[in-house]
Amino acid sequence: MPALNIGDLAPDFALTADNGESIALKDLRGSQVVLYFYPKDDTSGCTMEACGFRDAFASFREAGAVVLGVSSDGQISHRDFSRKFNLPFRLLCDEKGTVQRAYGAAWPVLSRVPGLGRLLGPKRHTYVIDAAGRIKAIFTIVNVDAHALEVLEVLKK
């Protein structure tokens, strides 16, 4: 899949969330969406990143944004991670890496090796999608400490 650019229509998807609900991007039109890809539930960097989004969640809601985290982990892992850290947003299960590949957040070649791809998880990328479904911003270098605030700045523009 060719690289995504700002202004491109965001690839649609439907994935199962930590609560068992199916989330489809097309159903979120009219809201800005923060779609962040992360490697693995309950690891140090991923926990810092998720808690950053959690701590700024009220500001994301004020900006009219829906926050969604995506990794290769399954529903039970996502549910436990979400409960442990009181995450107020949905975590989506992309166990086959389909959405990761569509967004360029998968490790090329290695992510397709059975078992290994699941262990690697996605690259740490974030996409801000506008209310019309177009990519507004792309973050491919993420500092987990300050990432949520960095994304908020884009939402406010």
N, C-alpha and C. Protein backbone atom coordinates (compact mmCIF):
# COMPACT_ATOMS: atom_id res chain seq x y z
N MET A 1 0.85 -1.19 0.00
CA MET A 1 0.00 0.00 0.00
C MET A 1 0.89 1.24 0.00
N PRO A 2 0.59 2.22 -0.85
CA PRO A 2 1.40 3.44 -0.88
C PRO A 2 1.27 4.21 0.44
N ALA A 3 2.28 5.01 0.72
CA ALA A 3 2.29 5.80 1.96
C ALA A 3 1.11 6.77 1.97
N LEU A 4 0.57 7.00 3.15
CA LEU A 4 -0.51 7.96 3.31
C LEU A 4 0.07 9.35 3.51
N ASN A 5 -0.65 10.34 3.03
CA ASN A 5 -0.23 11.73 3.15
C ASN A 5 -1.34 12.58 3.74
N ILE A 6 -0.97 13.72 4.26
CA ILE A 6 -1.96 14.67 4.76
C ILE A 6 -2.89 15.04 3.61
N GLY A 7 -4.18 15.02 3.88
CA GLY A 7 -5.18 15.31 2.86
C GLY A 7 -5.80 14.06 2.24
N ASP A 8 -5.12 12.92 2.37
CA ASP A 8 -5.67 11.66 1.84
C ASP A 8 -6.90 11.24 2.65
N LEU A 9 -7.80 10.53 2.00
CA LEU A 9 -8.91 9.92 2.69
C LEU A 9 -8.34 8.80 3.55
N ALA A 10 -8.67 8.78 4.82
CA ALA A 10 -8.16 7.76 5.73
C ALA A 10 -8.77 6.40 5.37
N PRO A 11 -7.97 5.35 5.31
CA PRO A 11 -8.51 4.02 5.01
C PRO A 11 -9.56 3.61 6.04
N ASP A 12 -10.69 3.15 5.55
CA ASP A 12 -11.75 2.73 6.45
C ASP A 12 -11.40 1.39 7.07
N PHE A 13 -11.98 1.11 8.20
CA PHE A 13 -11.76 -0.16 8.88
C PHE A 13 -12.92 -0.40 9.83
N ALA A 14 -13.05 -1.63 10.25
CA ALA A 14 -13.97 -2.01 11.33
C ALA A 14 -13.20 -3.01 12.18
N LEU A 15 -13.02 -2.69 13.46
CA LEU A 15 -12.28 -3.56 14.38
C LEU A 15 -13.08 -3.72 15.67
N THR A 16 -12.80 -4.81 16.37
CA THR A 16 -13.41 -5.06 17.66
C THR A 16 -12.65 -4.30 18.74
N ALA A 17 -13.40 -3.67 19.63
CA ALA A 17 -12.81 -2.90 20.72
C ALA A 17 -12.68 -3.76 21.97
N ASP A 18 -12.01 -3.20 22.95
CA ASP A 18 -11.81 -3.88 24.23
C ASP A 18 -13.11 -4.30 24.91
N ASN A 19 -14.19 -3.59 24.64
CA ASN A 19 -15.48 -3.91 25.25
C ASN A 19 -16.35 -4.82 24.38
N GLY A 20 -15.79 -5.31 23.26
CA GLY A 20 -16.52 -6.21 22.36
C GLY A 20 -17.29 -5.51 21.27
N GLU A 21 -17.39 -4.20 21.34
CA GLU A 21 -18.11 -3.40 20.35
C GLU A 21 -17.30 -3.34 19.05
N SER A 22 -17.99 -3.30 17.92
CA SER A 22 -17.32 -3.11 16.64
C SER A 22 -17.26 -1.60 16.35
N ILE A 23 -16.07 -1.12 16.05
CA ILE A 23 -15.87 0.30 15.75
C ILE A 23 -15.47 0.41 14.28
N ALA A 24 -16.24 1.19 13.52
CA ALA A 24 -15.93 1.43 12.11
C ALA A 24 -15.61 2.91 11.94
N LEU A 25 -14.54 3.20 11.24
CA LEU A 25 -14.15 4.60 11.03
C LEU A 25 -15.25 5.40 10.36
N LYS A 26 -15.92 4.81 9.39
CA LYS A 26 -16.97 5.54 8.66
C LYS A 26 -18.09 6.01 9.59
N ASP A 27 -18.30 5.30 10.69
CA ASP A 27 -19.35 5.68 11.64
C ASP A 27 -18.95 6.88 12.50
N LEU A 28 -17.69 7.27 12.43
CA LEU A 28 -17.20 8.38 13.24
C LEU A 28 -17.10 9.69 12.46
N ARG A 29 -17.57 9.68 11.20
CA ARG A 29 -17.56 10.91 10.41
C ARG A 29 -18.34 11.98 11.16
N GLY A 30 -17.85 13.19 11.09
CA GLY A 30 -18.45 14.29 11.83
C GLY A 30 -17.66 14.61 13.09
N SER A 31 -16.77 13.70 13.47
CA SER A 31 -15.88 13.91 14.61
C SER A 31 -14.44 13.78 14.13
N GLN A 32 -13.56 14.49 14.78
CA GLN A 32 -12.14 14.25 14.53
C GLN A 32 -11.77 12.95 15.24
N VAL A 33 -10.84 12.23 14.68
CA VAL A 33 -10.41 10.95 15.26
C VAL A 33 -8.91 10.97 15.44
N VAL A 34 -8.47 10.58 16.63
CA VAL A 34 -7.06 10.37 16.91
C VAL A 34 -6.87 8.86 16.92
N LEU A 35 -6.18 8.36 15.92
CA LEU A 35 -5.95 6.93 15.76
C LEU A 35 -4.48 6.68 16.05
N TYR A 36 -4.21 6.11 17.23
CA TYR A 36 -2.81 5.90 17.57
C TYR A 36 -2.49 4.40 17.63
N PHE A 37 -1.41 4.05 16.97
CA PHE A 37 -0.93 2.68 16.92
C PHE A 37 0.19 2.53 17.94
N TYR A 38 0.16 1.44 18.67
CA TYR A 38 1.18 1.21 19.69
C TYR A 38 1.54 -0.27 19.71
N PRO A 39 2.76 -0.61 20.16
CA PRO A 39 3.22 -2.01 20.08
C PRO A 39 2.51 -3.01 20.97
N LYS A 40 2.34 -2.75 22.26
CA LYS A 40 1.87 -3.81 23.15
C LYS A 40 1.23 -3.25 24.42
N ASP A 41 0.13 -3.86 24.82
CA ASP A 41 -0.54 -3.49 26.06
C ASP A 41 0.38 -3.68 27.26
N ASP A 42 0.24 -2.78 28.22
CA ASP A 42 0.86 -2.91 29.54
C ASP A 42 2.39 -3.01 29.51
N THR A 43 3.00 -2.34 28.56
CA THR A 43 4.46 -2.19 28.56
C THR A 43 4.76 -0.73 28.92
N SER A 44 5.96 -0.46 29.32
CA SER A 44 6.25 0.87 29.88
C SER A 44 5.92 2.03 28.94
N GLY A 45 6.46 2.02 27.72
CA GLY A 45 6.21 3.12 26.79
C GLY A 45 4.75 3.22 26.39
N CYS A 46 4.12 2.07 26.15
CA CYS A 46 2.72 2.08 25.74
C CYS A 46 1.81 2.54 26.87
N THR A 47 2.17 2.21 28.10
CA THR A 47 1.40 2.67 29.25
C THR A 47 1.53 4.18 29.40
N MET A 48 2.74 4.70 29.25
CA MET A 48 2.94 6.16 29.35
C MET A 48 2.13 6.88 28.29
N GLU A 49 2.16 6.36 27.07
CA GLU A 49 1.42 6.99 25.98
C GLU A 49 -0.09 6.96 26.25
N ALA A 50 -0.61 5.79 26.63
CA ALA A 50 -2.04 5.65 26.90
C ALA A 50 -2.47 6.55 28.05
N CYS A 51 -1.67 6.61 29.09
CA CYS A 51 -2.01 7.45 30.25
C CYS A 51 -1.95 8.93 29.89
N GLY A 52 -1.09 9.30 28.95
CA GLY A 52 -1.06 10.68 28.47
C GLY A 52 -2.38 11.04 27.80
N PHE A 53 -2.88 10.14 26.96
CA PHE A 53 -4.18 10.37 26.33
C PHE A 53 -5.29 10.38 27.38
N ARG A 54 -5.20 9.48 28.35
CA ARG A 54 -6.19 9.44 29.43
C ARG A 54 -6.22 10.76 30.21
N ASP A 55 -5.04 11.24 30.58
CA ASP A 55 -4.96 12.43 31.41
C ASP A 55 -5.45 13.69 30.69
N ALA A 56 -5.35 13.68 29.37
CA ALA A 56 -5.80 14.84 28.58
C ALA A 56 -7.15 14.58 27.91
N PHE A 57 -7.82 13.51 28.31
CA PHE A 57 -9.04 13.09 27.62
C PHE A 57 -10.12 14.17 27.58
N ALA A 58 -10.29 14.89 28.67
CA ALA A 58 -11.31 15.96 28.68
C ALA A 58 -11.02 16.99 27.59
N SER A 59 -9.75 17.31 27.39
CA SER A 59 -9.37 18.27 26.34
C SER A 59 -9.64 17.71 24.95
N PHE A 60 -9.42 16.41 24.77
CA PHE A 60 -9.73 15.78 23.48
C PHE A 60 -11.23 15.85 23.21
N ARG A 61 -12.03 15.60 24.22
CA ARG A 61 -13.48 15.68 24.05
C ARG A 61 -13.90 17.10 23.73
N GLU A 62 -13.31 18.09 24.41
CA GLU A 62 -13.63 19.50 24.13
C GLU A 62 -13.29 19.86 22.69
N ALA A 63 -12.25 19.23 22.15
CA ALA A 63 -11.84 19.48 20.76
C ALA A 63 -12.70 18.68 19.77
N GLY A 64 -13.65 17.92 20.29
CA GLY A 64 -14.53 17.14 19.42
C GLY A 64 -13.87 15.91 18.83
N ALA A 65 -12.88 15.36 19.55
CA ALA A 65 -12.13 14.22 19.02
C ALA A 65 -12.46 12.93 19.74
N VAL A 66 -12.42 11.85 18.96
CA VAL A 66 -12.54 10.49 19.46
C VAL A 66 -11.13 9.92 19.46
N VAL A 67 -10.71 9.34 20.57
CA VAL A 67 -9.38 8.73 20.67
C VAL A 67 -9.53 7.22 20.57
N LEU A 68 -8.72 6.60 19.70
CA LEU A 68 -8.72 5.15 19.53
C LEU A 68 -7.29 4.65 19.51
N GLY A 69 -6.99 3.66 20.34
CA GLY A 69 -5.68 3.02 20.32
C GLY A 69 -5.78 1.71 19.56
N VAL A 70 -4.74 1.36 18.80
CA VAL A 70 -4.74 0.13 18.00
C VAL A 70 -3.44 -0.63 18.23
N SER A 71 -3.58 -1.93 18.52
CA SER A 71 -2.41 -2.80 18.57
C SER A 71 -2.82 -4.20 18.13
N SER A 72 -1.85 -5.10 18.12
CA SER A 72 -2.11 -6.49 17.73
C SER A 72 -2.69 -7.32 18.87
N ASP A 73 -2.76 -6.75 20.05
CA ASP A 73 -3.26 -7.50 21.19
C ASP A 73 -4.75 -7.81 21.04
N GLY A 74 -5.19 -8.86 21.71
CA GLY A 74 -6.57 -9.30 21.64
C GLY A 74 -7.47 -8.55 22.62
N GLN A 75 -8.74 -8.89 22.56
CA GLN A 75 -9.75 -8.19 23.34
C GLN A 75 -9.52 -8.32 24.85
N ILE A 76 -9.16 -9.48 25.34
CA ILE A 76 -8.96 -9.65 26.79
C ILE A 76 -7.78 -8.82 27.26
N SER A 77 -6.69 -8.83 26.50
CA SER A 77 -5.53 -8.03 26.85
C SER A 77 -5.88 -6.55 26.87
N HIS A 78 -6.60 -6.10 25.85
CA HIS A 78 -7.03 -4.69 25.79
C HIS A 78 -7.95 -4.35 26.97
N ARG A 79 -8.89 -5.23 27.25
CA ARG A 79 -9.83 -4.98 28.35
C ARG A 79 -9.07 -4.84 29.67
N ASP A 80 -8.14 -5.76 29.93
CA ASP A 80 -7.38 -5.72 31.18
C ASP A 80 -6.51 -4.47 31.27
N PHE A 81 -5.87 -4.11 30.18
CA PHE A 81 -5.03 -2.91 30.12
C PHE A 81 -5.88 -1.66 30.38
N SER A 82 -7.01 -1.60 29.72
CA SER A 82 -7.90 -0.46 29.85
C SER A 82 -8.41 -0.32 31.30
N ARG A 83 -8.79 -1.41 31.88
CA ARG A 83 -9.29 -1.38 33.27
C ARG A 83 -8.18 -1.02 34.25
N LYS A 84 -7.01 -1.60 34.07
CA LYS A 84 -5.89 -1.37 34.99
C LYS A 84 -5.54 0.11 35.08
N PHE A 85 -5.61 0.81 33.93
CA PHE A 85 -5.20 2.21 33.89
C PHE A 85 -6.37 3.17 33.69
N ASN A 86 -7.59 2.68 33.84
CA ASN A 86 -8.80 3.51 33.72
C ASN A 86 -8.81 4.34 32.45
N LEU A 87 -8.60 3.68 31.33
CA LEU A 87 -8.57 4.38 30.05
C LEU A 87 -10.00 4.69 29.60
N PRO A 88 -10.31 5.95 29.32
CA PRO A 88 -11.69 6.34 28.95
C PRO A 88 -11.97 6.25 27.46
N PHE A 89 -11.06 5.66 26.69
CA PHE A 89 -11.24 5.53 25.24
C PHE A 89 -11.10 4.06 24.87
N ARG A 90 -11.49 3.74 23.65
CA ARG A 90 -11.49 2.36 23.19
C ARG A 90 -10.10 1.96 22.66
N LEU A 91 -9.76 0.69 22.90
CA LEU A 91 -8.57 0.07 22.33
C LEU A 91 -9.06 -0.96 21.32
N LEU A 92 -8.51 -0.91 20.11
CA LEU A 92 -8.99 -1.76 19.03
C LEU A 92 -8.03 -2.91 18.75
N CYS A 93 -8.60 -4.08 18.47
CA CYS A 93 -7.84 -5.31 18.22
C CYS A 93 -7.57 -5.47 16.73
N ASP A 94 -6.32 -5.39 16.36
CA ASP A 94 -5.91 -5.60 14.96
C ASP A 94 -4.94 -6.78 14.93
N GLU A 95 -5.45 -7.93 15.34
CA GLU A 95 -4.61 -9.12 15.52
C GLU A 95 -3.97 -9.60 14.22
N LYS A 96 -4.59 -9.36 13.09
CA LYS A 96 -4.01 -9.76 11.80
C LYS A 96 -3.15 -8.66 11.19
N GLY A 97 -3.15 -7.48 11.78
CA GLY A 97 -2.32 -6.38 11.30
C GLY A 97 -2.83 -5.70 10.04
N THR A 98 -4.05 -5.95 9.67
CA THR A 98 -4.61 -5.39 8.43
C THR A 98 -4.64 -3.87 8.45
N VAL A 99 -5.12 -3.31 9.54
CA VAL A 99 -5.22 -1.85 9.65
C VAL A 99 -3.83 -1.25 9.81
N GLN A 100 -2.97 -1.92 10.55
CA GLN A 100 -1.58 -1.46 10.70
C GLN A 100 -0.92 -1.32 9.32
N ARG A 101 -1.11 -2.33 8.48
CA ARG A 101 -0.51 -2.27 7.14
C ARG A 101 -1.15 -1.17 6.30
N ALA A 102 -2.47 -1.00 6.39
CA ALA A 102 -3.17 0.03 5.61
C ALA A 102 -2.68 1.43 5.97
N TYR A 103 -2.27 1.62 7.22
CA TYR A 103 -1.81 2.93 7.68
C TYR A 103 -0.29 3.05 7.71
N GLY A 104 0.42 2.04 7.23
CA GLY A 104 1.88 2.11 7.23
C GLY A 104 2.49 2.00 8.61
N ALA A 105 1.74 1.43 9.55
CA ALA A 105 2.22 1.31 10.92
C ALA A 105 2.73 -0.09 11.24
N ALA A 106 2.84 -0.94 10.23
CA ALA A 106 3.35 -2.29 10.43
C ALA A 106 4.82 -2.35 10.02
N TRP A 107 5.54 -3.22 10.67
CA TRP A 107 6.93 -3.45 10.25
C TRP A 107 6.87 -4.22 8.94
N PRO A 108 7.44 -3.69 7.86
CA PRO A 108 7.37 -4.39 6.58
C PRO A 108 7.92 -5.81 6.72
N VAL A 109 7.60 -6.70 5.94
CA VAL A 109 8.07 -8.09 5.89
C VAL A 109 7.95 -8.80 7.24
N LEU A 110 8.66 -8.34 8.27
CA LEU A 110 8.68 -9.04 9.55
C LEU A 110 7.30 -9.16 10.18
N SER A 111 6.44 -8.16 9.95
CA SER A 111 5.12 -8.19 10.56
C SER A 111 4.24 -9.27 9.94
N ARG A 112 4.65 -9.80 8.81
CA ARG A 112 3.85 -10.82 8.14
C ARG A 112 4.27 -12.24 8.50
N VAL A 113 5.34 -12.36 9.26
CA VAL A 113 5.80 -13.68 9.68
C VAL A 113 4.90 -14.12 10.84
N PRO A 114 4.23 -15.28 10.70
CA PRO A 114 3.33 -15.72 11.77
C PRO A 114 4.05 -15.73 13.13
N GLY A 115 3.38 -15.23 14.12
CA GLY A 115 3.95 -15.17 15.47
C GLY A 115 4.84 -13.96 15.67
N LEU A 116 5.84 -13.80 14.82
CA LEU A 116 6.78 -12.70 14.97
C LEU A 116 6.08 -11.35 14.79
N GLY A 117 5.23 -11.25 13.79
CA GLY A 117 4.50 -10.00 13.55
C GLY A 117 3.68 -9.59 14.75
N ARG A 118 3.07 -10.57 15.40
CA ARG A 118 2.27 -10.28 16.58
C ARG A 118 3.14 -9.83 17.75
N LEU A 119 4.33 -10.40 17.85
CA LEU A 119 5.24 -10.00 18.92
C LEU A 119 5.77 -8.59 18.70
N LEU A 120 6.03 -8.24 17.45
CA LEU A 120 6.55 -6.91 17.14
C LEU A 120 5.51 -5.83 17.41
N GLY A 121 4.26 -6.14 17.09
CA GLY A 121 3.21 -5.13 17.20
C GLY A 121 3.44 -4.04 16.16
N PRO A 122 2.56 -3.06 16.13
CA PRO A 122 2.71 -1.99 15.16
C PRO A 122 3.81 -1.00 15.57
N LYS A 123 4.23 -0.23 14.58
CA LYS A 123 5.10 0.91 14.88
C LYS A 123 4.28 1.91 15.68
N ARG A 124 4.94 2.77 16.40
CA ARG A 124 4.24 3.78 17.18
C ARG A 124 3.98 4.98 16.27
N HIS A 125 2.81 4.99 15.65
CA HIS A 125 2.39 6.07 14.76
C HIS A 125 1.04 6.61 15.23
N THR A 126 0.77 7.87 14.92
CA THR A 126 -0.53 8.45 15.22
C THR A 126 -1.03 9.22 14.01
N TYR A 127 -2.32 9.07 13.74
CA TYR A 127 -2.98 9.79 12.65
C TYR A 127 -4.12 10.60 13.25
N VAL A 128 -4.20 11.86 12.87
CA VAL A 128 -5.35 12.69 13.21
C VAL A 128 -6.19 12.77 11.94
N ILE A 129 -7.44 12.38 12.08
CA ILE A 129 -8.36 12.32 10.95
C ILE A 129 -9.44 13.36 11.18
N ASP A 130 -9.68 14.21 10.19
CA ASP A 130 -10.66 15.28 10.36
C ASP A 130 -12.09 14.74 10.26
N ALA A 131 -13.05 15.61 10.49
CA ALA A 131 -14.46 15.22 10.53
C ALA A 131 -14.97 14.70 9.19
N ALA A 132 -14.28 15.03 8.09
CA ALA A 132 -14.67 14.56 6.76
C ALA A 132 -13.99 13.24 6.41
N GLY A 133 -13.13 12.73 7.31
CA GLY A 133 -12.46 11.46 7.05
C GLY A 133 -11.12 11.58 6.36
N ARG A 134 -10.56 12.80 6.32
CA ARG A 134 -9.26 13.01 5.68
C ARG A 134 -8.16 13.14 6.73
N ILE A 135 -6.98 12.71 6.36
CA ILE A 135 -5.86 12.77 7.29
C ILE A 135 -5.41 14.21 7.46
N LYS A 136 -5.42 14.65 8.69
CA LYS A 136 -5.08 16.03 9.05
C LYS A 136 -3.62 16.12 9.52
N ALA A 137 -3.13 15.07 10.17
CA ALA A 137 -1.75 15.06 10.66
C ALA A 137 -1.28 13.63 10.81
N ILE A 138 0.04 13.46 10.66
CA ILE A 138 0.67 12.15 10.81
C ILE A 138 1.87 12.31 11.72
N PHE A 139 1.95 11.48 12.74
CA PHE A 139 3.11 11.46 13.64
C PHE A 139 3.79 10.10 13.51
N THR A 140 5.00 10.09 12.98
CA THR A 140 5.75 8.84 12.87
C THR A 140 6.90 8.78 13.86
N ILE A 141 7.18 9.89 14.51
CA ILE A 141 8.16 9.93 15.60
C ILE A 141 7.38 10.38 16.83
N VAL A 142 7.33 9.51 17.83
CA VAL A 142 6.50 9.76 18.99
C VAL A 142 7.33 9.77 20.27
N ASN A 143 7.24 10.85 21.02
CA ASN A 143 7.81 10.94 22.36
C ASN A 143 6.65 10.65 23.30
N VAL A 144 6.62 9.46 23.90
CA VAL A 144 5.44 9.03 24.66
C VAL A 144 5.10 9.97 25.81
N ASP A 145 6.08 10.67 26.36
CA ASP A 145 5.82 11.59 27.48
C ASP A 145 4.92 12.76 27.10
N ALA A 146 5.14 13.33 25.93
CA ALA A 146 4.44 14.57 25.56
C ALA A 146 3.54 14.40 24.34
N HIS A 147 3.34 13.17 23.90
CA HIS A 147 2.64 12.96 22.64
C HIS A 147 1.19 13.46 22.67
N ALA A 148 0.47 13.17 23.72
CA ALA A 148 -0.94 13.58 23.78
C ALA A 148 -1.08 15.10 23.62
N LEU A 149 -0.21 15.85 24.27
CA LEU A 149 -0.27 17.31 24.17
C LEU A 149 0.08 17.79 22.77
N GLU A 150 1.02 17.11 22.14
CA GLU A 150 1.41 17.41 20.76
C GLU A 150 0.21 17.20 19.82
N VAL A 151 -0.52 16.11 20.02
CA VAL A 151 -1.69 15.82 19.19
C VAL A 151 -2.80 16.85 19.46
N LEU A 152 -2.97 17.23 20.70
CA LEU A 152 -3.99 18.24 21.03
C LEU A 152 -3.75 19.54 20.29
N GLU A 153 -2.51 19.95 20.16
CA GLU A 153 -2.18 21.18 19.44
C GLU A 153 -2.69 21.12 18.00
N VAL A 154 -2.55 19.97 17.37
CA VAL A 154 -3.03 19.80 15.99
C VAL A 154 -4.55 19.87 15.94
N LEU A 155 -5.20 19.27 16.91
CA LEU A 155 -6.67 19.29 16.94
C LEU A 155 -7.23 20.69 17.09
N LYS A 156 -6.52 21.53 17.77
CA LYS A 156 -7.00 22.89 18.03
C LYS A 156 -6.82 23.82 16.82
N LYS A 157 -6.05 23.40 15.83
CA LYS A 157 -5.82 24.23 14.64
C LYS A 157 -6.98 24.13 13.69
